[in-house]
Amino acid sequence: MMVLSGNPAVRLGTLTATVLLLLLGAGAAAWSQSAPPAAGLQEPQAVPPPSTPTPSAPPAGEDNPGLINRMGKLFDKLPSILPPIKSPSETMNDLSRLATPSTMVSGRVACPVSSNGAPDCKQAADQLCRGKGYKEGKSLNADSAEKCSAKVLIPGRQRKPDDCRTDTFVTSALCQN
């Protein structure tokens, strides 16, 4: 059957009707078929009950591997997976502990060069914070400058790779007690 209507409601209605007819037709074919009574003096024969017992529903204690059962097990385990919910006062206490002892300071401390050649600005931030009376710090802002020897200023001299170096400085840090 072909539906040529552009209206989705008509197409859905036709599809629904077709599915219903198919289901009713399949249901009618599934009814037990007995021979029609013959015209005459013949008595109907008694049909013995089926010898196989009908399967009963599984007991409640047995594991049912269906999708709904699996989802139910997942929801049973869910509270143990999730962390406990904190009260608003506990959350505020945690946040205040994180935010209270921090202070931003400004200054200029050179970052020493580490063993791999990169600047170690954590050590410079700690030094900047200790100079302001705090225990340790974290670098917030850094600045770099190229420092060259006086040989670079000689006219006509070729510049060599070791004539200049880049120095990095921490200019602001977040300090904590």
N, C-alpha and C. Protein backbone atom coordinates (compact mmCIF):
# COMPACT_ATOMS: atom_id res chain seq x y z
N MET A 1 0.85 -1.15 0.00
CA MET A 1 0.00 0.00 0.00
C MET A 1 0.90 1.23 0.00
N MET A 2 0.61 2.18 -0.82
CA MET A 2 1.45 3.36 -0.94
C MET A 2 0.64 4.60 -0.58
N VAL A 3 1.15 5.40 0.34
CA VAL A 3 0.46 6.62 0.76
C VAL A 3 1.19 7.78 0.12
N LEU A 4 0.45 8.57 -0.66
CA LEU A 4 1.08 9.68 -1.38
C LEU A 4 0.81 11.01 -0.72
N SER A 5 0.12 11.03 0.39
CA SER A 5 -0.22 12.29 1.04
C SER A 5 1.02 12.89 1.69
N GLY A 6 1.13 14.20 1.64
CA GLY A 6 2.24 14.89 2.27
C GLY A 6 1.96 15.21 3.73
N ASN A 7 0.74 14.99 4.16
CA ASN A 7 0.35 15.28 5.54
C ASN A 7 0.85 14.16 6.45
N PRO A 8 1.71 14.48 7.44
CA PRO A 8 2.23 13.43 8.31
C PRO A 8 1.16 12.74 9.13
N ALA A 9 0.07 13.44 9.47
CA ALA A 9 -0.99 12.83 10.26
C ALA A 9 -1.69 11.74 9.46
N VAL A 10 -1.90 11.99 8.16
CA VAL A 10 -2.54 11.00 7.31
C VAL A 10 -1.64 9.79 7.16
N ARG A 11 -0.35 10.03 6.97
CA ARG A 11 0.60 8.92 6.84
C ARG A 11 0.66 8.09 8.12
N LEU A 12 0.68 8.77 9.28
CA LEU A 12 0.73 8.06 10.56
C LEU A 12 -0.54 7.25 10.77
N GLY A 13 -1.70 7.83 10.43
CA GLY A 13 -2.96 7.11 10.58
C GLY A 13 -3.01 5.88 9.68
N THR A 14 -2.52 6.03 8.45
CA THR A 14 -2.52 4.90 7.53
C THR A 14 -1.56 3.81 8.02
N LEU A 15 -0.42 4.21 8.51
CA LEU A 15 0.55 3.26 9.03
C LEU A 15 -0.01 2.52 10.25
N THR A 16 -0.66 3.26 11.12
CA THR A 16 -1.25 2.65 12.32
C THR A 16 -2.34 1.65 11.94
N ALA A 17 -3.18 2.03 11.00
CA ALA A 17 -4.26 1.14 10.56
C ALA A 17 -3.68 -0.13 9.94
N THR A 18 -2.61 0.01 9.15
CA THR A 18 -1.99 -1.15 8.51
C THR A 18 -1.42 -2.10 9.56
N VAL A 19 -0.72 -1.56 10.54
CA VAL A 19 -0.13 -2.38 11.59
C VAL A 19 -1.22 -3.08 12.38
N LEU A 20 -2.32 -2.39 12.69
CA LEU A 20 -3.42 -2.99 13.41
C LEU A 20 -4.03 -4.15 12.63
N LEU A 21 -4.24 -3.96 11.33
CA LEU A 21 -4.80 -5.02 10.51
C LEU A 21 -3.89 -6.23 10.47
N LEU A 22 -2.58 -5.98 10.37
CA LEU A 22 -1.63 -7.09 10.35
C LEU A 22 -1.66 -7.86 11.67
N LEU A 23 -1.72 -7.12 12.78
CA LEU A 23 -1.76 -7.79 14.09
C LEU A 23 -3.05 -8.58 14.27
N LEU A 24 -4.17 -8.02 13.84
CA LEU A 24 -5.44 -8.74 13.96
C LEU A 24 -5.45 -9.97 13.08
N GLY A 25 -4.88 -9.85 11.88
CA GLY A 25 -4.82 -11.00 10.97
C GLY A 25 -3.93 -12.09 11.54
N ALA A 26 -2.81 -11.70 12.15
CA ALA A 26 -1.91 -12.69 12.73
C ALA A 26 -2.54 -13.32 13.96
N GLY A 27 -3.33 -12.53 14.70
CA GLY A 27 -4.00 -13.06 15.89
C GLY A 27 -5.08 -14.05 15.52
N ALA A 28 -5.80 -13.78 14.44
CA ALA A 28 -6.86 -14.69 14.02
C ALA A 28 -6.28 -16.01 13.55
N ALA A 29 -5.10 -15.96 12.93
CA ALA A 29 -4.47 -17.19 12.45
C ALA A 29 -3.92 -18.00 13.61
N ALA A 30 -3.67 -17.36 14.74
CA ALA A 30 -3.08 -18.06 15.86
C ALA A 30 -4.10 -18.79 16.72
N TRP A 31 -5.42 -18.52 16.55
CA TRP A 31 -6.43 -19.22 17.33
C TRP A 31 -6.39 -20.69 16.99
N SER A 32 -6.69 -21.53 17.98
CA SER A 32 -6.66 -22.96 17.70
C SER A 32 -7.74 -23.29 16.68
N GLN A 33 -7.35 -24.08 15.75
CA GLN A 33 -8.27 -24.42 14.67
C GLN A 33 -8.76 -25.85 14.88
N SER A 34 -10.06 -25.98 15.01
CA SER A 34 -10.64 -27.32 15.12
C SER A 34 -11.47 -27.56 13.87
N ALA A 35 -11.67 -28.79 13.58
CA ALA A 35 -12.44 -29.13 12.38
C ALA A 35 -13.89 -28.71 12.58
N PRO A 36 -14.51 -28.12 11.56
CA PRO A 36 -15.90 -27.73 11.70
C PRO A 36 -16.77 -28.97 11.87
N PRO A 37 -17.84 -28.85 12.64
CA PRO A 37 -18.69 -30.03 12.84
C PRO A 37 -19.28 -30.49 11.50
N ALA A 38 -19.24 -31.77 11.31
CA ALA A 38 -19.75 -32.34 10.06
C ALA A 38 -21.26 -32.47 10.16
N ALA A 39 -21.91 -32.30 9.04
CA ALA A 39 -23.36 -32.44 9.02
C ALA A 39 -23.69 -33.92 9.13
N GLY A 40 -24.41 -34.30 10.07
CA GLY A 40 -24.74 -35.70 10.21
C GLY A 40 -24.96 -36.03 11.66
N LEU A 41 -24.88 -37.31 11.98
CA LEU A 41 -25.16 -37.78 13.33
C LEU A 41 -23.89 -38.03 14.12
N GLN A 42 -22.85 -37.40 13.78
CA GLN A 42 -21.57 -37.64 14.44
C GLN A 42 -21.49 -36.78 15.70
N GLU A 43 -21.03 -37.40 16.81
CA GLU A 43 -20.88 -36.68 18.07
C GLU A 43 -19.51 -36.01 18.12
N PRO A 44 -19.45 -34.83 18.72
CA PRO A 44 -18.13 -34.19 18.84
C PRO A 44 -17.26 -34.98 19.80
N GLN A 45 -16.00 -35.08 19.44
CA GLN A 45 -15.05 -35.83 20.27
C GLN A 45 -14.47 -34.90 21.33
N ALA A 46 -14.27 -35.45 22.51
CA ALA A 46 -13.69 -34.66 23.59
C ALA A 46 -12.19 -34.52 23.36
N VAL A 47 -11.69 -33.33 23.46
CA VAL A 47 -10.25 -33.07 23.26
C VAL A 47 -9.58 -33.15 24.62
N PRO A 48 -8.56 -34.03 24.76
CA PRO A 48 -7.88 -34.13 26.05
C PRO A 48 -7.06 -32.86 26.31
N PRO A 49 -6.89 -32.50 27.58
CA PRO A 49 -6.09 -31.31 27.88
C PRO A 49 -4.63 -31.56 27.47
N PRO A 50 -3.91 -30.49 27.17
CA PRO A 50 -2.51 -30.66 26.77
C PRO A 50 -1.70 -31.29 27.91
N SER A 51 -0.77 -32.16 27.54
CA SER A 51 0.00 -32.89 28.54
C SER A 51 1.15 -32.07 29.11
N THR A 52 1.59 -31.04 28.39
CA THR A 52 2.71 -30.24 28.90
C THR A 52 2.17 -29.14 29.81
N PRO A 53 2.77 -28.96 30.97
CA PRO A 53 2.31 -27.90 31.86
C PRO A 53 2.73 -26.53 31.31
N THR A 54 1.94 -25.53 31.60
CA THR A 54 2.27 -24.18 31.13
C THR A 54 3.40 -23.62 31.99
N PRO A 55 4.33 -22.93 31.37
CA PRO A 55 5.46 -22.38 32.15
C PRO A 55 4.96 -21.27 33.06
N SER A 56 5.42 -21.29 34.29
CA SER A 56 5.02 -20.27 35.25
C SER A 56 6.06 -19.15 35.28
N ALA A 57 5.70 -18.06 35.87
CA ALA A 57 6.64 -16.93 35.98
C ALA A 57 7.79 -17.33 36.89
N PRO A 58 9.00 -16.81 36.62
CA PRO A 58 10.13 -17.17 37.46
C PRO A 58 9.93 -16.66 38.89
N PRO A 59 10.44 -17.39 39.86
CA PRO A 59 10.32 -16.94 41.25
C PRO A 59 11.00 -15.59 41.44
N ALA A 60 10.58 -14.89 42.47
CA ALA A 60 11.10 -13.53 42.71
C ALA A 60 12.59 -13.55 43.04
N GLY A 61 13.11 -14.61 43.60
CA GLY A 61 14.52 -14.67 43.97
C GLY A 61 15.43 -14.95 42.80
N GLU A 62 14.89 -15.42 41.68
CA GLU A 62 15.71 -15.78 40.53
C GLU A 62 16.13 -14.53 39.78
N ASP A 63 17.32 -14.54 39.19
CA ASP A 63 17.84 -13.39 38.46
C ASP A 63 17.22 -13.33 37.07
N ASN A 64 16.61 -12.21 36.75
CA ASN A 64 16.00 -12.00 35.44
C ASN A 64 16.92 -11.09 34.65
N PRO A 65 17.50 -11.54 33.53
CA PRO A 65 18.50 -10.75 32.83
C PRO A 65 17.93 -9.69 31.91
N GLY A 66 16.71 -9.25 32.09
CA GLY A 66 16.10 -8.26 31.22
C GLY A 66 16.67 -6.87 31.44
N LEU A 67 16.37 -5.98 30.51
CA LEU A 67 16.87 -4.61 30.54
C LEU A 67 16.36 -3.86 31.78
N ILE A 68 15.09 -4.01 32.08
CA ILE A 68 14.52 -3.30 33.22
C ILE A 68 15.17 -3.76 34.52
N ASN A 69 15.41 -5.07 34.64
CA ASN A 69 16.05 -5.60 35.84
C ASN A 69 17.47 -5.06 35.97
N ARG A 70 18.19 -5.01 34.86
CA ARG A 70 19.57 -4.48 34.89
C ARG A 70 19.57 -3.00 35.30
N MET A 71 18.64 -2.23 34.77
CA MET A 71 18.57 -0.81 35.12
C MET A 71 18.23 -0.65 36.60
N GLY A 72 17.35 -1.52 37.12
CA GLY A 72 17.02 -1.47 38.54
C GLY A 72 18.24 -1.74 39.40
N LYS A 73 19.06 -2.71 38.99
CA LYS A 73 20.29 -3.00 39.74
C LYS A 73 21.24 -1.80 39.71
N LEU A 74 21.31 -1.11 38.56
CA LEU A 74 22.17 0.06 38.44
C LEU A 74 21.71 1.15 39.41
N PHE A 75 20.40 1.38 39.49
CA PHE A 75 19.90 2.40 40.39
C PHE A 75 20.08 2.00 41.85
N ASP A 76 20.09 0.70 42.14
CA ASP A 76 20.36 0.25 43.51
C ASP A 76 21.80 0.55 43.91
N LYS A 77 22.74 0.44 42.95
CA LYS A 77 24.15 0.68 43.23
C LYS A 77 24.51 2.15 43.17
N LEU A 78 23.67 3.00 42.59
CA LEU A 78 23.98 4.40 42.36
C LEU A 78 24.37 5.16 43.63
N PRO A 79 23.68 5.04 44.75
CA PRO A 79 24.09 5.81 45.94
C PRO A 79 25.50 5.48 46.42
N SER A 80 25.98 4.26 46.21
CA SER A 80 27.32 3.92 46.66
C SER A 80 28.38 4.48 45.71
N ILE A 81 28.01 4.78 44.48
CA ILE A 81 28.97 5.31 43.51
C ILE A 81 29.15 6.81 43.70
N LEU A 82 28.07 7.53 43.96
CA LEU A 82 28.12 8.98 44.07
C LEU A 82 28.69 9.41 45.42
N PRO A 83 29.41 10.55 45.44
CA PRO A 83 29.91 11.04 46.73
C PRO A 83 28.75 11.58 47.57
N PRO A 84 28.93 11.62 48.88
CA PRO A 84 27.86 12.13 49.73
C PRO A 84 27.63 13.62 49.49
N ILE A 85 26.40 14.05 49.60
CA ILE A 85 26.04 15.45 49.38
C ILE A 85 26.32 16.22 50.66
N LYS A 86 27.04 17.36 50.49
CA LYS A 86 27.37 18.19 51.65
C LYS A 86 26.28 19.22 51.87
N SER A 87 26.16 19.64 53.12
CA SER A 87 25.21 20.70 53.43
C SER A 87 25.79 22.04 52.96
N PRO A 88 24.96 23.06 52.79
CA PRO A 88 25.48 24.35 52.34
C PRO A 88 26.53 24.94 53.28
N SER A 89 26.40 24.72 54.59
CA SER A 89 27.39 25.28 55.52
C SER A 89 28.73 24.57 55.36
N GLU A 90 28.71 23.25 55.13
CA GLU A 90 29.97 22.54 54.90
C GLU A 90 30.65 23.01 53.62
N THR A 91 29.86 23.25 52.58
CA THR A 91 30.41 23.73 51.32
C THR A 91 31.04 25.11 51.50
N MET A 92 30.36 26.00 52.23
CA MET A 92 30.91 27.35 52.46
C MET A 92 32.19 27.28 53.30
N ASN A 93 32.25 26.38 54.28
CA ASN A 93 33.46 26.22 55.08
C ASN A 93 34.63 25.77 54.20
N ASP A 94 34.37 24.82 53.29
CA ASP A 94 35.42 24.36 52.39
C ASP A 94 35.91 25.49 51.50
N LEU A 95 34.98 26.27 50.95
CA LEU A 95 35.36 27.38 50.07
C LEU A 95 36.10 28.47 50.83
N SER A 96 35.70 28.76 52.06
CA SER A 96 36.37 29.80 52.82
C SER A 96 37.78 29.38 53.21
N ARG A 97 37.97 28.08 53.47
CA ARG A 97 39.33 27.61 53.77
C ARG A 97 40.25 27.77 52.58
N LEU A 98 39.70 27.60 51.37
CA LEU A 98 40.52 27.74 50.17
C LEU A 98 40.82 29.20 49.85
N ALA A 99 39.88 30.08 50.10
CA ALA A 99 40.02 31.46 49.64
C ALA A 99 40.63 32.42 50.66
N THR A 100 40.53 32.18 51.92
CA THR A 100 40.92 33.16 52.93
C THR A 100 42.42 33.47 52.97
N PRO A 101 43.33 32.50 53.02
CA PRO A 101 44.72 32.86 53.24
C PRO A 101 45.48 33.33 52.00
N SER A 102 44.81 33.60 50.90
CA SER A 102 45.51 33.99 49.67
C SER A 102 45.52 35.50 49.51
N THR A 103 46.66 36.03 49.08
CA THR A 103 46.80 37.45 48.81
C THR A 103 47.69 37.63 47.60
N MET A 104 47.30 38.56 46.73
CA MET A 104 48.12 38.82 45.55
C MET A 104 49.13 39.93 45.87
N VAL A 105 50.38 39.67 45.52
CA VAL A 105 51.43 40.67 45.74
C VAL A 105 52.13 40.96 44.42
N SER A 106 52.73 42.13 44.35
CA SER A 106 53.48 42.54 43.15
C SER A 106 54.93 42.76 43.51
N GLY A 107 55.79 42.61 42.54
CA GLY A 107 57.22 42.79 42.72
C GLY A 107 57.93 42.34 41.46
N ARG A 108 59.25 42.13 41.57
CA ARG A 108 60.01 41.66 40.41
C ARG A 108 61.16 40.81 40.92
N VAL A 109 61.05 39.48 40.71
CA VAL A 109 62.07 38.54 41.13
C VAL A 109 62.44 37.68 39.93
N ALA A 110 63.75 37.54 39.68
CA ALA A 110 64.21 36.75 38.53
C ALA A 110 64.00 35.26 38.79
N CYS A 111 63.55 34.55 37.75
CA CYS A 111 63.37 33.10 37.84
C CYS A 111 64.71 32.43 37.55
N PRO A 112 65.23 31.62 38.49
CA PRO A 112 66.49 30.93 38.22
C PRO A 112 66.30 29.87 37.13
N VAL A 113 67.40 29.56 36.43
CA VAL A 113 67.35 28.57 35.37
C VAL A 113 67.50 27.19 36.00
N SER A 114 66.57 26.27 35.65
CA SER A 114 66.63 24.91 36.19
C SER A 114 67.62 24.06 35.39
N SER A 115 67.76 22.81 35.77
CA SER A 115 68.75 21.93 35.14
C SER A 115 68.43 21.65 33.67
N ASN A 116 67.15 21.74 33.27
CA ASN A 116 66.82 21.50 31.86
C ASN A 116 66.85 22.76 31.02
N GLY A 117 67.20 23.90 31.61
CA GLY A 117 67.35 25.14 30.87
C GLY A 117 66.12 26.03 30.91
N ALA A 118 65.02 25.56 31.45
CA ALA A 118 63.80 26.35 31.53
C ALA A 118 63.80 27.16 32.83
N PRO A 119 63.12 28.30 32.85
CA PRO A 119 63.09 29.09 34.08
C PRO A 119 62.20 28.43 35.14
N ASP A 120 62.64 28.49 36.41
CA ASP A 120 61.89 27.92 37.53
C ASP A 120 61.18 29.06 38.25
N CYS A 121 59.98 29.39 37.78
CA CYS A 121 59.26 30.53 38.33
C CYS A 121 58.54 30.22 39.63
N LYS A 122 58.36 28.95 39.98
CA LYS A 122 57.78 28.59 41.28
C LYS A 122 58.70 29.05 42.40
N GLN A 123 59.98 28.83 42.21
CA GLN A 123 60.95 29.25 43.22
C GLN A 123 60.97 30.78 43.33
N ALA A 124 60.85 31.48 42.22
CA ALA A 124 60.83 32.94 42.24
C ALA A 124 59.56 33.46 42.91
N ALA A 125 58.42 32.81 42.66
CA ALA A 125 57.17 33.23 43.31
C ALA A 125 57.26 33.01 44.81
N ASP A 126 57.84 31.89 45.23
CA ASP A 126 58.03 31.66 46.67
C ASP A 126 58.90 32.74 47.28
N GLN A 127 59.96 33.12 46.58
CA GLN A 127 60.89 34.15 47.09
C GLN A 127 60.18 35.50 47.18
N LEU A 128 59.34 35.82 46.17
CA LEU A 128 58.60 37.08 46.20
C LEU A 128 57.63 37.11 47.38
N CYS A 129 56.95 36.02 47.65
CA CYS A 129 55.99 35.96 48.75
C CYS A 129 56.69 36.00 50.11
N ARG A 130 57.84 35.31 50.22
CA ARG A 130 58.59 35.35 51.49
C ARG A 130 59.06 36.76 51.79
N GLY A 131 59.39 37.52 50.75
CA GLY A 131 59.81 38.91 50.94
C GLY A 131 58.67 39.78 51.46
N LYS A 132 57.42 39.39 51.22
CA LYS A 132 56.25 40.15 51.69
C LYS A 132 55.67 39.57 52.98
N GLY A 133 56.32 38.52 53.56
CA GLY A 133 55.88 37.97 54.83
C GLY A 133 54.97 36.75 54.72
N TYR A 134 54.88 36.14 53.57
CA TYR A 134 54.05 34.94 53.41
C TYR A 134 54.94 33.71 53.28
N LYS A 135 54.33 32.55 53.34
CA LYS A 135 55.08 31.30 53.34
C LYS A 135 55.47 30.84 51.93
N GLU A 136 54.49 30.76 51.03
CA GLU A 136 54.75 30.30 49.67
C GLU A 136 53.84 31.03 48.70
N GLY A 137 54.12 30.83 47.39
CA GLY A 137 53.31 31.52 46.39
C GLY A 137 53.24 30.78 45.08
N LYS A 138 52.36 31.30 44.23
CA LYS A 138 52.18 30.75 42.90
C LYS A 138 52.24 31.91 41.92
N SER A 139 52.99 31.74 40.86
CA SER A 139 53.18 32.81 39.89
C SER A 139 51.90 33.11 39.14
N LEU A 140 51.52 34.40 39.11
CA LEU A 140 50.35 34.83 38.35
C LEU A 140 50.74 35.51 37.06
N ASN A 141 51.84 36.27 37.08
CA ASN A 141 52.26 37.03 35.91
C ASN A 141 53.78 37.00 35.82
N ALA A 142 54.27 36.83 34.62
CA ALA A 142 55.72 36.80 34.42
C ALA A 142 56.08 37.72 33.25
N ASP A 143 57.33 38.13 33.22
CA ASP A 143 57.83 39.02 32.18
C ASP A 143 59.18 38.51 31.73
N SER A 144 59.50 38.66 30.47
CA SER A 144 60.79 38.21 29.95
C SER A 144 61.52 39.39 29.32
N ALA A 145 62.85 39.36 29.45
CA ALA A 145 63.68 40.42 28.85
C ALA A 145 64.96 39.78 28.34
N GLU A 146 65.46 40.30 27.21
CA GLU A 146 66.71 39.79 26.64
C GLU A 146 67.85 40.64 27.17
N LYS A 147 68.86 39.98 27.71
CA LYS A 147 70.02 40.67 28.27
C LYS A 147 71.24 40.29 27.43
N CYS A 148 71.89 41.29 26.86
CA CYS A 148 73.02 41.05 25.96
C CYS A 148 74.30 41.67 26.53
N SER A 149 75.41 41.11 26.13
CA SER A 149 76.70 41.66 26.57
C SER A 149 77.02 42.89 25.71
N ALA A 150 78.02 43.67 26.15
CA ALA A 150 78.40 44.89 25.44
C ALA A 150 79.04 44.58 24.08
N LYS A 151 79.48 43.34 23.86
CA LYS A 151 80.09 42.97 22.58
C LYS A 151 79.12 43.11 21.42
N VAL A 152 77.84 43.04 21.68
CA VAL A 152 76.83 43.15 20.63
C VAL A 152 76.84 44.56 20.02
N LEU A 153 77.25 45.54 20.80
CA LEU A 153 77.23 46.93 20.35
C LEU A 153 78.43 47.30 19.48
N ILE A 154 79.44 46.45 19.36
CA ILE A 154 80.62 46.75 18.54
C ILE A 154 80.20 46.71 17.07
N PRO A 155 80.46 47.81 16.32
CA PRO A 155 80.06 47.85 14.92
C PRO A 155 80.85 46.83 14.08
N GLY A 156 80.13 46.13 13.19
CA GLY A 156 80.75 45.17 12.29
C GLY A 156 80.97 43.79 12.88
N ARG A 157 80.76 43.61 14.13
CA ARG A 157 80.97 42.31 14.76
C ARG A 157 79.75 41.43 14.55
N GLN A 158 79.99 40.18 14.19
CA GLN A 158 78.91 39.21 14.01
C GLN A 158 78.38 38.78 15.39
N ARG A 159 77.09 38.71 15.49
CA ARG A 159 76.46 38.28 16.74
C ARG A 159 76.57 36.76 16.88
N LYS A 160 76.97 36.30 18.08
CA LYS A 160 77.13 34.87 18.36
C LYS A 160 75.98 34.39 19.25
N PRO A 161 75.68 33.09 19.25
CA PRO A 161 74.54 32.59 20.04
C PRO A 161 74.66 32.85 21.54
N ASP A 162 75.86 32.90 22.09
CA ASP A 162 76.00 33.08 23.53
C ASP A 162 76.16 34.54 23.94
N ASP A 163 75.94 35.50 23.02
CA ASP A 163 76.05 36.92 23.34
C ASP A 163 74.85 37.42 24.16
N CYS A 164 73.68 36.83 23.96
CA CYS A 164 72.47 37.28 24.65
C CYS A 164 71.78 36.10 25.33
N ARG A 165 71.04 36.43 26.39
CA ARG A 165 70.24 35.41 27.06
C ARG A 165 68.91 36.04 27.44
N THR A 166 67.90 35.20 27.63
CA THR A 166 66.57 35.68 28.01
C THR A 166 66.37 35.41 29.49
N ASP A 167 66.08 36.47 30.24
CA ASP A 167 65.79 36.35 31.66
C ASP A 167 64.29 36.47 31.86
N THR A 168 63.74 35.65 32.76
CA THR A 168 62.31 35.68 33.07
C THR A 168 62.15 36.13 34.51
N PHE A 169 61.15 37.00 34.74
CA PHE A 169 60.89 37.57 36.06
C PHE A 169 59.44 37.32 36.44
N VAL A 170 59.19 37.01 37.72
CA VAL A 170 57.83 36.97 38.25
C VAL A 170 57.50 38.37 38.69
N THR A 171 56.36 38.89 38.18
CA THR A 171 55.96 40.26 38.53
C THR A 171 54.79 40.29 39.50
N SER A 172 54.00 39.22 39.56
CA SER A 172 52.92 39.14 40.57
C SER A 172 52.71 37.67 40.94
N ALA A 173 52.34 37.45 42.19
CA ALA A 173 52.15 36.10 42.69
C ALA A 173 50.99 36.06 43.65
N LEU A 174 50.39 34.87 43.80
CA LEU A 174 49.33 34.63 44.75
C LEU A 174 49.98 33.94 45.95
N CYS A 175 49.98 34.64 47.09
CA CYS A 175 50.70 34.15 48.26
C CYS A 175 49.75 33.54 49.28
N GLN A 176 50.25 32.50 50.01
CA GLN A 176 49.46 31.84 51.03
C GLN A 176 50.31 31.66 52.29
N ASN A 177 49.64 31.63 53.43
CA ASN A 177 50.35 31.41 54.69
C ASN A 177 50.63 29.97 54.91
